[in-house]
Amino acid sequence: MPHYAWGRALSVTMDQTIEFMAADRRLATERLCAYLGASVDAAIASDVPFYHLALDRVFPDDVYATMLAHMPSATDYRPMHGRAKGLDLADGTHTRVKIDLFPEYIRHLPPEKRGVWNVIGRALCSRLVRDAFIRRLAPALKRRFGPGYAKVGMYPVPVLTRDIPGYRITRTPTPAGRASPCSSTCRATARLRTSGRFFTKRLPMARC
């Protein structure tokens, strides 16, 4: 299995680039964790329609390019469960599939791809990134879980999904067991700049 590391030191202001090169995977993960944490800290907070963070340039440019160049093949994904199963095509094709970025779910990938997604998954699951989200989402978490929100057991589930024509996202509330969903769209072309997630808010019904 190849190992990866960042070639340059990371500044917390995120004004320095980081290079993906063969070296120590642990160092690569630690430096990516620091960059992701800084991305969360730099995110813009908004209360409309509810409290959320808008993240931009979550990954360094060179890392993002590496992710796109090492995307798993269509056959590497497995079907989604739940609502997505109801959107299968007539021939049985799944319109949304996924890979959980845990070692046991990426072990079947080719070595060069497995090395990249191992670093990405470990960084997304790091305590540093988790704590950054808890810190920045404190107002919403406090309203939901009370003043002891920081002690609530929370853990990340990093998932890489792939959609094909026929899949659609309906308006759905955040599941009760999920603290806060976070999504980032991997766009390989500018034609996909309108893809992403839209937020809505349920308003009280008007009375006549």
Protein backbone atom coordinates (compact mmCIF):
# COMPACT_ATOMS: atom_id res chain seq x y z
CA MET A 1 0.00 0.00 0.00
CA PRO A 2 1.44 3.41 -0.90
CA HIS A 3 1.83 6.09 1.73
CA TYR A 4 1.18 9.79 1.31
CA ALA A 5 2.19 12.97 3.06
CA TRP A 6 1.90 16.68 2.62
CA GLY A 7 5.08 18.27 1.29
CA ARG A 8 4.72 21.74 2.82
CA ALA A 9 3.79 22.96 6.26
CA LEU A 10 0.21 24.08 6.78
CA SER A 11 -0.57 27.55 8.02
CA VAL A 12 -3.76 27.97 10.06
CA THR A 13 -4.67 30.85 7.77
CA MET A 14 -4.71 28.34 4.91
CA ASP A 15 -2.57 30.60 2.71
CA GLN A 16 0.01 27.96 1.91
CA THR A 17 -0.37 25.05 -0.48
CA ILE A 18 0.14 21.43 0.46
CA GLU A 19 1.47 18.79 -1.90
CA PHE A 20 0.46 15.14 -2.03
CA MET A 21 3.66 13.08 -2.32
CA ALA A 22 4.95 9.67 -1.31
CA ALA A 23 5.96 9.67 2.38
CA ASP A 24 4.41 8.95 5.73
CA ARG A 25 0.63 8.39 5.70
CA ARG A 26 0.28 9.37 9.34
CA LEU A 27 1.84 12.77 8.69
CA ALA A 28 -0.40 13.18 5.66
CA THR A 29 -3.48 12.52 7.76
CA GLU A 30 -2.41 14.86 10.56
CA ARG A 31 -1.75 17.74 8.19
CA LEU A 32 -5.01 17.20 6.33
CA CYS A 33 -6.82 17.16 9.69
CA ALA A 34 -5.34 20.57 10.47
CA TYR A 35 -6.46 21.94 7.09
CA LEU A 36 -9.98 20.55 7.45
CA GLY A 37 -10.25 21.97 10.97
CA ALA A 38 -9.16 25.37 9.68
CA SER A 39 -11.76 25.10 6.88
CA VAL A 40 -14.51 24.52 9.46
CA ASP A 41 -13.26 27.40 11.62
CA ALA A 42 -13.28 29.69 8.57
CA ALA A 43 -16.80 28.66 7.48
CA ILE A 44 -19.51 31.30 7.30
CA ALA A 45 -22.35 30.76 9.80
CA SER A 46 -25.95 31.60 8.94
CA ASP A 47 -29.29 31.40 10.78
CA VAL A 48 -31.40 31.26 7.59
CA PRO A 49 -33.43 29.10 7.32
CA PHE A 50 -31.78 27.48 10.36
CA TYR A 51 -28.32 27.57 11.87
CA HIS A 52 -25.76 26.05 9.53
CA LEU A 53 -22.25 26.49 8.18
CA ALA A 54 -21.30 27.23 4.58
CA LEU A 55 -17.87 25.76 3.84
CA ASP A 56 -15.76 26.74 0.85
CA ARG A 57 -12.60 25.05 -0.45
CA VAL A 58 -12.82 22.34 2.18
CA PHE A 59 -9.81 20.49 0.77
CA PRO A 60 -6.51 21.91 -0.54
CA ASP A 61 -6.55 22.28 -4.33
CA ASP A 62 -3.91 19.59 -4.90
CA VAL A 63 -5.69 17.15 -2.60
CA TYR A 64 -9.01 17.83 -4.33
CA ALA A 65 -7.40 17.15 -7.71
CA THR A 66 -5.96 13.89 -6.34
CA MET A 67 -9.40 12.84 -5.08
CA LEU A 68 -10.95 13.44 -8.50
CA ALA A 69 -8.13 11.56 -10.23
CA HIS A 70 -8.57 8.56 -7.91
CA MET A 71 -12.35 8.29 -7.83
CA PRO A 72 -13.54 4.69 -7.36
CA SER A 73 -15.04 2.92 -10.36
CA ALA A 74 -18.82 2.57 -10.59
CA THR A 75 -18.58 -1.11 -9.61
CA ASP A 76 -16.72 -0.25 -6.38
CA TYR A 77 -19.81 1.31 -4.80
CA ARG A 78 -22.61 -0.51 -3.01
CA PRO A 79 -26.35 0.33 -2.95
CA MET A 80 -27.79 2.86 -0.55
CA HIS A 81 -30.56 1.75 1.79
CA GLY A 82 -33.58 3.67 3.02
CA ARG A 83 -35.24 6.25 0.77
CA ALA A 84 -32.75 5.74 -2.07
CA LYS A 85 -34.00 2.18 -2.70
CA GLY A 86 -37.33 3.54 -3.87
CA LEU A 87 -35.62 5.44 -6.70
CA ASP A 88 -34.09 2.47 -8.52
CA LEU A 89 -34.60 2.40 -12.27
CA ALA A 90 -36.93 -0.08 -13.93
CA ASP A 91 -33.99 -2.36 -14.80
CA GLY A 92 -32.88 -2.43 -11.17
CA THR A 93 -30.05 0.07 -11.54
CA HIS A 94 -29.41 1.94 -8.30
CA THR A 95 -29.50 5.70 -8.80
CA ARG A 96 -27.50 6.43 -5.64
CA VAL A 97 -24.66 4.25 -4.42
CA LYS A 98 -22.03 4.76 -1.73
CA ILE A 99 -18.71 3.80 -0.17
CA ASP A 100 -18.23 4.28 3.56
CA LEU A 101 -14.70 5.65 3.92
CA PHE A 102 -13.68 3.19 6.62
CA PRO A 103 -10.74 0.79 6.11
CA GLU A 104 -13.02 -2.27 5.97
CA TYR A 105 -15.09 -0.77 3.14
CA ILE A 106 -12.24 0.51 0.95
CA ARG A 107 -9.96 -2.53 1.25
CA HIS A 108 -11.15 -3.79 -2.15
CA LEU A 109 -9.96 -0.67 -3.99
CA PRO A 110 -6.76 -0.75 -6.06
CA PRO A 111 -3.71 0.16 -3.90
CA GLU A 112 -3.24 3.62 -5.40
CA LYS A 113 -6.90 4.52 -4.76
CA ARG A 114 -7.05 2.83 -1.38
CA GLY A 115 -4.10 4.88 -0.14
CA VAL A 116 -5.75 8.17 -1.11
CA TRP A 117 -9.19 7.42 0.36
CA ASN A 118 -7.67 5.94 3.51
CA VAL A 119 -6.06 9.30 4.27
CA ILE A 120 -9.27 11.20 3.41
CA GLY A 121 -11.45 8.94 5.56
CA ARG A 122 -9.12 9.02 8.56
CA ALA A 123 -8.87 12.81 8.42
CA LEU A 124 -12.65 13.24 8.26
CA CYS A 125 -13.00 10.95 11.29
CA SER A 126 -10.38 12.78 13.35
CA ARG A 127 -11.12 14.26 16.76
CA LEU A 128 -9.75 17.61 15.60
CA VAL A 129 -12.32 17.89 12.80
CA ARG A 130 -15.14 16.61 15.02
CA ASP A 131 -14.32 19.15 17.74
CA ALA A 132 -14.17 21.95 15.17
CA PHE A 133 -17.72 21.14 14.02
CA ILE A 134 -18.99 20.91 17.60
CA ARG A 135 -17.39 24.26 18.39
CA ARG A 136 -18.81 26.04 15.33
CA LEU A 137 -22.26 24.41 15.57
CA ALA A 138 -22.51 25.14 19.29
CA PRO A 139 -25.60 27.43 19.05
CA ALA A 140 -27.66 24.79 17.26
CA LEU A 141 -26.33 21.87 19.29
CA LYS A 142 -27.07 23.69 22.53
CA ARG A 143 -30.68 24.30 21.50
CA ARG A 144 -31.09 20.65 20.58
CA PHE A 145 -29.18 18.86 23.33
CA GLY A 146 -29.06 21.44 26.13
CA PRO A 147 -26.09 23.00 27.93
CA GLY A 148 -24.27 19.67 28.10
CA TYR A 149 -24.15 19.30 24.29
CA ALA A 150 -20.36 19.08 24.27
CA LYS A 151 -20.53 15.83 26.28
CA VAL A 152 -22.99 14.14 23.91
CA GLY A 153 -21.32 11.20 22.20
CA MET A 154 -20.90 12.07 18.52
CA TYR A 155 -19.00 10.24 15.82
CA PRO A 156 -18.58 10.87 12.07
CA VAL A 157 -19.61 8.51 9.28
CA PRO A 158 -17.72 9.62 6.15
CA VAL A 159 -19.53 8.48 3.01
CA LEU A 160 -18.65 8.95 -0.66
CA THR A 161 -21.83 8.81 -2.75
CA ARG A 162 -22.39 8.63 -6.49
CA ASP A 163 -25.63 9.65 -8.17
CA ILE A 164 -26.86 8.98 -11.70
CA PRO A 165 -29.83 10.47 -13.61
CA GLY A 166 -33.04 9.36 -11.97
CA TYR A 167 -32.01 10.08 -8.41
CA ARG A 168 -33.75 12.93 -6.63
CA ILE A 169 -33.59 14.36 -3.15
CA THR A 170 -36.94 15.16 -1.61
CA ARG A 171 -37.53 17.44 1.35
CA THR A 172 -36.66 15.43 4.41
CA PRO A 173 -35.93 16.38 8.02
CA THR A 174 -32.66 15.52 9.71
CA PRO A 175 -33.05 12.04 11.28
CA ALA A 176 -33.45 12.08 15.05
CA GLY A 177 -30.25 10.12 15.61
CA ARG A 178 -28.10 12.40 13.48
CA ALA A 179 -26.55 15.44 15.15
CA SER A 180 -25.83 17.40 11.99
CA PRO A 181 -25.43 16.26 8.37
CA CYS A 182 -22.54 17.65 6.35
CA SER A 183 -22.19 17.30 2.59
CA SER A 184 -19.64 18.43 0.03
CA THR A 185 -20.15 18.03 -3.70
CA CYS A 186 -17.14 16.88 -5.75
CA ARG A 187 -17.44 18.79 -9.01
CA ALA A 188 -15.15 17.66 -11.82
CA THR A 189 -16.45 20.36 -14.17
CA ALA A 190 -17.90 23.86 -13.94
CA ARG A 191 -21.11 22.53 -15.49
CA LEU A 192 -21.95 21.07 -12.08
CA ARG A 193 -21.66 24.34 -10.20
CA THR A 194 -25.39 24.36 -9.43
CA SER A 195 -25.32 20.94 -7.76
CA GLY A 196 -25.44 20.70 -3.99
CA ARG A 197 -27.91 20.87 -1.15
CA PHE A 198 -30.77 23.32 -0.68
CA PHE A 199 -32.18 24.15 2.75
CA THR A 200 -35.83 24.73 3.48
CA LYS A 201 -37.79 25.55 6.59
CA ARG A 202 -41.26 24.39 7.53
CA LEU A 203 -43.44 27.38 8.35
CA PRO A 204 -46.55 27.36 10.56
CA MET A 205 -49.72 26.71 8.59
CA ALA A 206 -51.76 29.83 7.99
CA ARG A 207 -55.20 30.04 9.52
CA CYS A 208 -58.11 31.53 7.59
